[in-house]
Amino acid sequence: MNRQLIVTATSSLLTLLGAHTLVHANEPNIDWNAQAQLGYQYDSNVNIRELDQNTERADQAFVSEAQIGVQWRPWQALEVKAGVHHSNYAYQQFDEFDLAITTINSDISYDLDWVKLGVSRHHAKAKLAAEDFLRYQQDSFYLSRIWGQQWFTRLAYDAIDKRFANLSERDATADAVSADIYWFTESAKSFITAGYSYHDERATNPQFDYTGTSVRVRWQTQAPLWGREHTWQLGWQLEQRDYLQSMPDETFARTEQRHTVSAKWQIPLNDSFQLIPQLDYVDNQSNFADADYQETTASLNLKVQF
């Protein structure tokens, strides 16, 4: 599959239909949604993985998030979506690790009955300590299908471009493929999903070239408690990275194996507000000392949906 063709086609199609969406934004078949979150996060090891920096020290951060999205169906089989998401992490002590990310996304899909075809774009801009840090763009082509009442599958190809503000040697392009399968209970209130991804990244400096794989499993269920529907999630992911060149002053290449375990509970307070406690644990094992670490994060957020 030609990478540049995917990027160009995605850009042209999203621009054309995105403009058409704005022209018809007052039509009744357009749905809007918005949400915001405020909360607190404890981090046992403040770090920035993209820079191989970790402090090995704990800190607390105030977290804020907001997003707005629009969904438009010009006809039954065609769906157009667009949105903006912003998140901000403000640490109490390590303010040099304060991170703000703004992401603009768009997605167009067409349902052929036997399969759904789609293209999407995510463009993110990150600021670190209030300074430009990273621009990230991902163009995707995907196919998905519902099999009966309980199975869903999705295949995707991603073309990725990363540009760092002050570290051009880490600028990179990547190609990735992924496959995910979902199994739902008959009530559709619970599901299990499993996925696999392959990632091939090439940087300006070949020292940062790597190939990677990941496998992931997630379980989610809804059940009534205290008179309202609560949602629980458990997840696990294993990621392997193999760098292609030997590390400086070494005769062997860098490798990483990253285990992630997460748990989340969505507690509805009323029709609009949710309280969300979440716990994540990361064990990043590597023969490169700066990337060999463990991290635990615990957060509590108040979410409102409009």
Protein backbone atom coordinates (compact mmCIF):
# COMPACT_ATOMS: atom_id res chain seq x y z
CA MET A 1 0.00 0.00 0.00
CA ASN A 2 1.44 3.38 -1.09
CA ARG A 3 1.94 5.51 2.03
CA GLN A 4 1.87 8.88 0.25
CA LEU A 5 -1.29 7.90 -1.64
CA ILE A 6 -3.07 7.17 1.66
CA VAL A 7 -1.99 10.53 3.13
CA THR A 8 -2.97 12.53 0.03
CA ALA A 9 -6.30 10.78 -0.43
CA THR A 10 -7.18 11.17 3.23
CA SER A 11 -6.34 14.88 3.21
CA SER A 12 -8.37 15.58 0.06
CA LEU A 13 -11.42 13.59 1.10
CA LEU A 14 -11.51 14.96 4.64
CA THR A 15 -11.12 18.54 3.41
CA LEU A 16 -13.88 18.18 0.82
CA LEU A 17 -16.44 16.54 3.06
CA GLY A 18 -15.41 18.61 6.08
CA ALA A 19 -16.21 21.78 4.16
CA HIS A 20 -19.51 20.29 3.03
CA THR A 21 -20.34 19.49 6.66
CA LEU A 22 -19.81 23.12 7.68
CA VAL A 23 -22.01 24.34 4.84
CA HIS A 24 -24.85 22.12 6.05
CA ALA A 25 -24.19 22.51 9.79
CA ASN A 26 -27.71 23.76 10.45
CA GLU A 27 -29.37 20.63 9.12
CA PRO A 28 -31.25 18.50 11.70
CA ASN A 29 -29.29 15.28 10.99
CA ILE A 30 -26.19 16.71 12.66
CA ASP A 31 -25.54 15.70 16.27
CA TRP A 32 -23.25 17.55 18.66
CA ASN A 33 -21.58 16.30 21.82
CA ALA A 34 -19.27 17.88 24.36
CA GLN A 35 -17.63 16.91 27.62
CA ALA A 36 -15.14 18.26 30.15
CA GLN A 37 -13.09 16.79 33.01
CA LEU A 38 -11.29 18.18 36.03
CA GLY A 39 -9.23 16.08 38.38
CA TYR A 40 -6.12 15.11 40.26
CA GLN A 41 -3.38 12.61 39.38
CA TYR A 42 -0.62 11.05 41.46
CA ASP A 43 2.40 9.91 39.41
CA SER A 44 5.08 7.77 41.09
CA ASN A 45 7.67 8.51 38.39
CA VAL A 46 7.21 11.68 36.35
CA ASN A 47 8.61 11.04 32.86
CA ILE A 48 8.45 11.78 29.14
CA ARG A 49 8.81 8.60 27.16
CA GLU A 50 9.38 10.41 23.84
CA LEU A 51 12.60 11.92 25.27
CA ASP A 52 13.76 8.94 27.38
CA GLN A 53 13.54 11.10 30.50
CA ASN A 54 12.25 9.93 33.87
CA THR A 55 12.78 11.58 37.23
CA GLU A 56 12.36 8.48 39.44
CA ARG A 57 10.44 10.84 41.73
CA ALA A 58 6.74 11.26 42.47
CA ASP A 59 4.55 14.31 41.98
CA GLN A 60 0.90 15.34 41.78
CA ALA A 61 -0.77 17.03 38.85
CA PHE A 62 -3.98 18.91 38.25
CA VAL A 63 -5.66 17.52 35.15
CA SER A 64 -8.15 19.23 32.86
CA GLU A 65 -9.69 17.99 29.63
CA ALA A 66 -12.34 19.24 27.22
CA GLN A 67 -13.65 18.04 23.90
CA ILE A 68 -16.37 18.78 21.41
CA GLY A 69 -17.49 16.65 18.48
CA VAL A 70 -19.96 16.70 15.62
CA GLN A 71 -21.47 13.78 13.71
CA TRP A 72 -23.29 14.14 10.41
CA ARG A 73 -25.13 11.58 8.26
CA PRO A 74 -25.87 13.11 4.84
CA TRP A 75 -27.46 9.76 4.02
CA GLN A 76 -27.85 6.44 5.81
CA ALA A 77 -24.63 4.77 4.68
CA LEU A 78 -22.29 7.79 4.94
CA GLU A 79 -21.07 9.16 8.28
CA VAL A 80 -18.84 12.20 8.80
CA LYS A 81 -17.33 13.02 12.20
CA ALA A 82 -15.02 15.77 13.43
CA GLY A 83 -13.85 16.97 16.83
CA VAL A 84 -11.35 18.82 18.96
CA HIS A 85 -9.82 17.56 22.21
CA HIS A 86 -7.56 19.42 24.65
CA SER A 87 -5.83 18.04 27.74
CA ASN A 88 -3.55 19.71 30.27
CA TYR A 89 -1.35 18.24 33.02
CA ALA A 90 0.06 20.78 35.49
CA TYR A 91 2.51 19.31 38.01
CA GLN A 92 3.04 20.85 41.43
CA GLN A 93 6.83 20.42 41.59
CA PHE A 94 8.10 19.31 38.16
CA ASP A 95 6.55 22.12 36.15
CA GLU A 96 9.13 21.47 33.40
CA PHE A 97 7.06 18.34 32.69
CA ASP A 98 3.75 20.24 32.34
CA LEU A 99 2.10 18.88 29.20
CA ALA A 100 -0.70 20.34 27.08
CA ILE A 101 -2.01 18.53 23.98
CA THR A 102 -4.57 19.74 21.44
CA THR A 103 -5.89 17.20 18.93
CA ILE A 104 -8.10 17.84 15.92
CA ASN A 105 -9.69 14.76 14.39
CA SER A 106 -11.91 13.95 11.44
CA ASP A 107 -13.37 10.71 10.13
CA ILE A 108 -15.40 9.64 7.12
CA SER A 109 -16.88 6.17 6.74
CA TYR A 110 -19.18 4.42 4.29
CA ASP A 111 -21.22 1.32 5.15
CA LEU A 112 -21.43 -1.21 2.31
CA ASP A 113 -23.60 -3.52 4.45
CA TRP A 114 -21.04 -6.34 4.43
CA VAL A 115 -18.15 -4.05 5.48
CA LYS A 116 -17.60 -0.45 6.56
CA LEU A 117 -14.77 1.51 4.90
CA GLY A 118 -13.29 4.62 6.50
CA VAL A 119 -10.49 7.15 6.51
CA SER A 120 -9.51 9.41 9.39
CA ARG A 121 -6.95 12.00 10.40
CA HIS A 122 -5.66 12.97 13.84
CA HIS A 123 -3.45 16.06 14.09
CA ALA A 124 -1.99 16.80 17.52
CA LYS A 125 0.14 19.65 18.83
CA ALA A 126 1.89 19.22 22.18
CA LYS A 127 3.46 21.86 24.40
CA LEU A 128 5.95 20.98 27.13
CA ALA A 129 6.39 23.56 29.90
CA ALA A 130 4.40 25.99 27.72
CA GLU A 131 6.91 25.64 24.83
CA ASP A 132 6.31 23.95 21.47
CA PHE A 133 7.30 20.31 21.79
CA LEU A 134 5.80 17.96 19.20
CA ARG A 135 3.49 17.87 16.18
CA TYR A 136 1.95 14.49 15.43
CA GLN A 137 -0.20 13.49 12.49
CA GLN A 138 -1.83 10.12 11.85
CA ASP A 139 -3.78 9.27 8.70
CA SER A 140 -5.69 6.02 8.79
CA PHE A 141 -7.56 3.72 6.44
CA TYR A 142 -9.74 1.10 8.10
CA LEU A 143 -12.28 -1.65 7.49
CA SER A 144 -14.76 -2.90 10.08
CA ARG A 145 -17.62 -5.34 10.22
CA ILE A 146 -20.30 -6.51 12.64
CA TRP A 147 -20.75 -10.29 12.58
CA GLY A 148 -24.21 -11.18 13.84
CA GLN A 149 -25.18 -9.71 17.20
CA GLN A 150 -22.04 -10.35 19.27
CA TRP A 151 -18.87 -9.99 17.16
CA PHE A 152 -17.12 -6.94 15.71
CA THR A 153 -13.76 -6.75 13.88
CA ARG A 154 -11.61 -3.85 12.70
CA LEU A 155 -8.46 -3.73 10.53
CA ALA A 156 -6.47 -0.50 10.07
CA TYR A 157 -3.41 0.94 8.37
CA ASP A 158 -1.84 4.11 9.84
CA ALA A 159 0.62 6.55 8.25
CA ILE A 160 2.29 8.56 11.03
CA ASP A 161 4.43 11.69 10.94
CA LYS A 162 6.19 13.15 14.02
CA ARG A 163 7.99 16.51 14.14
CA PHE A 164 9.80 17.75 17.27
CA ALA A 165 10.24 21.48 17.80
CA ASN A 166 13.85 21.33 19.00
CA LEU A 167 14.98 17.74 18.40
CA SER A 168 14.96 17.24 14.65
CA GLU A 169 17.05 14.07 14.98
CA ARG A 170 13.96 12.41 16.51
CA ASP A 171 11.64 13.50 13.68
CA ALA A 172 10.15 10.33 12.22
CA THR A 173 7.65 8.71 9.91
CA ALA A 174 6.03 5.38 10.66
CA ASP A 175 3.76 2.78 9.13
CA ALA A 176 1.52 0.70 11.36
CA VAL A 177 -1.13 -1.97 10.97
CA SER A 178 -3.56 -3.19 13.59
CA ALA A 179 -6.31 -5.75 14.05
CA ASP A 180 -8.96 -5.78 16.81
CA ILE A 181 -11.80 -8.16 17.63
CA TYR A 182 -14.70 -7.56 20.05
CA TRP A 183 -17.09 -10.03 21.64
CA PHE A 184 -20.27 -8.64 23.23
CA THR A 185 -22.69 -10.31 25.59
CA GLU A 186 -26.28 -10.64 24.39
CA SER A 187 -27.26 -7.60 26.46
CA ALA A 188 -24.38 -5.59 24.87
CA LYS A 189 -23.57 -4.24 28.35
CA SER A 190 -20.31 -6.19 28.56
CA PHE A 191 -17.57 -6.96 26.07
CA ILE A 192 -14.04 -8.32 25.72
CA THR A 193 -11.66 -7.01 23.06
CA ALA A 194 -8.27 -8.28 21.92
CA GLY A 195 -5.89 -6.59 19.51
CA TYR A 196 -2.52 -6.76 17.79
CA SER A 197 -0.40 -3.99 16.21
CA TYR A 198 2.81 -3.81 14.19
CA HIS A 199 4.76 -0.52 14.01
CA ASP A 200 7.75 0.35 11.77
CA GLU A 201 9.32 3.75 12.53
CA ARG A 202 12.16 5.53 10.70
CA ALA A 203 13.75 8.63 12.28
CA THR A 204 16.04 11.34 10.93
CA ASN A 205 18.77 9.85 13.12
CA PRO A 206 18.85 6.06 12.45
CA GLN A 207 19.71 5.55 16.13
CA PHE A 208 15.98 5.98 16.85
CA ASP A 209 14.70 3.60 14.14
CA TYR A 210 12.72 0.69 15.53
CA THR A 211 10.10 -1.94 14.82
CA GLY A 212 7.53 -2.82 17.43
CA THR A 213 4.60 -5.08 18.17
CA SER A 214 1.87 -4.90 20.79
CA VAL A 215 -0.89 -7.18 22.03
CA ARG A 216 -3.73 -5.94 24.20
CA VAL A 217 -6.81 -7.22 26.00
CA ARG A 218 -9.62 -5.18 27.59
CA TRP A 219 -12.78 -6.09 29.46
CA GLN A 220 -15.67 -3.72 30.13
CA THR A 221 -19.01 -4.25 31.82
CA GLN A 222 -22.01 -2.22 32.96
CA ALA A 223 -24.18 -3.11 35.92
CA PRO A 224 -26.69 -1.32 38.17
CA LEU A 225 -25.40 -0.09 41.53
CA TRP A 226 -26.99 2.46 43.88
CA GLY A 227 -29.78 2.96 41.38
CA ARG A 228 -27.58 3.84 38.36
CA GLU A 229 -25.57 2.06 35.65
CA HIS A 230 -21.88 1.87 36.60
CA THR A 231 -19.08 0.97 34.17
CA TRP A 232 -15.92 -0.99 35.02
CA GLN A 233 -12.88 -1.51 32.78
CA LEU A 234 -9.78 -3.69 33.10
CA GLY A 235 -6.97 -3.64 30.53
CA TRP A 236 -3.58 -5.18 29.82
CA GLN A 237 -1.05 -4.46 27.07
CA LEU A 238 2.37 -5.85 26.15
CA GLU A 239 4.53 -3.78 23.81
CA GLN A 240 7.88 -4.85 22.36
CA ARG A 241 10.33 -2.45 20.68
CA ASP A 242 13.49 -3.55 18.86
CA TYR A 243 15.81 -0.76 17.74
CA LEU A 244 17.75 -1.36 14.55
CA GLN A 245 21.15 0.14 15.38
CA SER A 246 23.60 -0.48 18.20
CA MET A 247 23.54 2.08 20.98
CA PRO A 248 26.44 4.58 21.13
CA ASP A 249 29.55 3.02 22.71
CA GLU A 250 27.82 -0.38 22.74
CA THR A 251 27.93 -3.45 20.51
CA PHE A 252 24.25 -4.31 20.94
CA ALA A 253 20.97 -2.65 19.98
CA ARG A 254 18.40 -1.25 22.37
CA THR A 255 15.32 -3.30 23.22
CA GLU A 256 12.23 -2.54 25.30
CA GLN A 257 9.37 -4.57 26.70
CA ARG A 258 6.54 -2.58 28.22
CA HIS A 259 3.75 -4.09 30.36
CA THR A 260 0.72 -1.90 31.14
CA VAL A 261 -2.17 -2.79 33.44
CA SER A 262 -5.11 -0.42 33.97
CA ALA A 263 -8.38 -0.32 35.90
CA LYS A 264 -11.15 2.29 35.70
CA TRP A 265 -14.54 2.78 37.35
CA GLN A 266 -17.13 5.23 36.00
CA ILE A 267 -19.51 6.25 38.78
CA PRO A 268 -22.61 8.15 37.57
CA LEU A 269 -23.70 10.92 39.92
CA ASN A 270 -26.65 12.00 37.76
CA ASP A 271 -27.51 12.12 34.06
CA SER A 272 -24.63 14.50 33.29
CA PHE A 273 -21.86 14.01 35.88
CA GLN A 274 -19.55 11.07 36.51
CA LEU A 275 -16.81 10.47 39.08
CA ILE A 276 -13.96 8.42 37.56
CA PRO A 277 -11.20 6.81 39.66
CA GLN A 278 -8.44 5.16 37.60
CA LEU A 279 -5.27 3.20 38.37
CA ASP A 280 -2.46 2.39 35.90
CA TYR A 281 0.79 0.48 36.33
CA VAL A 282 3.65 0.44 33.79
CA ASP A 283 6.73 -1.79 33.86
CA ASN A 284 9.11 -0.63 31.10
CA GLN A 285 12.01 -3.09 30.87
CA SER A 286 15.00 -2.15 28.71
CA ASN A 287 18.74 -2.70 28.30
CA PHE A 288 18.97 1.11 28.00
CA ALA A 289 19.16 2.43 31.57
CA ASP A 290 17.14 5.62 30.99
CA ALA A 291 14.22 3.57 29.64
CA ASP A 292 14.22 0.94 32.38
CA TYR A 293 11.68 2.03 34.98
CA GLN A 294 8.33 1.43 36.66
CA GLU A 295 5.48 3.90 37.04
CA THR A 296 2.16 3.94 38.88
CA THR A 297 -0.48 6.61 38.29
CA ALA A 298 -3.69 7.06 40.27
CA SER A 299 -6.27 9.65 39.28
CA LEU A 300 -9.70 10.91 40.28
CA ASN A 301 -11.66 12.98 37.79
CA LEU A 302 -15.06 14.67 37.67
CA LYS A 303 -16.58 14.44 34.19
CA VAL A 304 -19.55 16.33 32.76
CA GLN A 305 -21.26 15.51 29.47
CA PHE A 306 -23.47 17.82 27.45
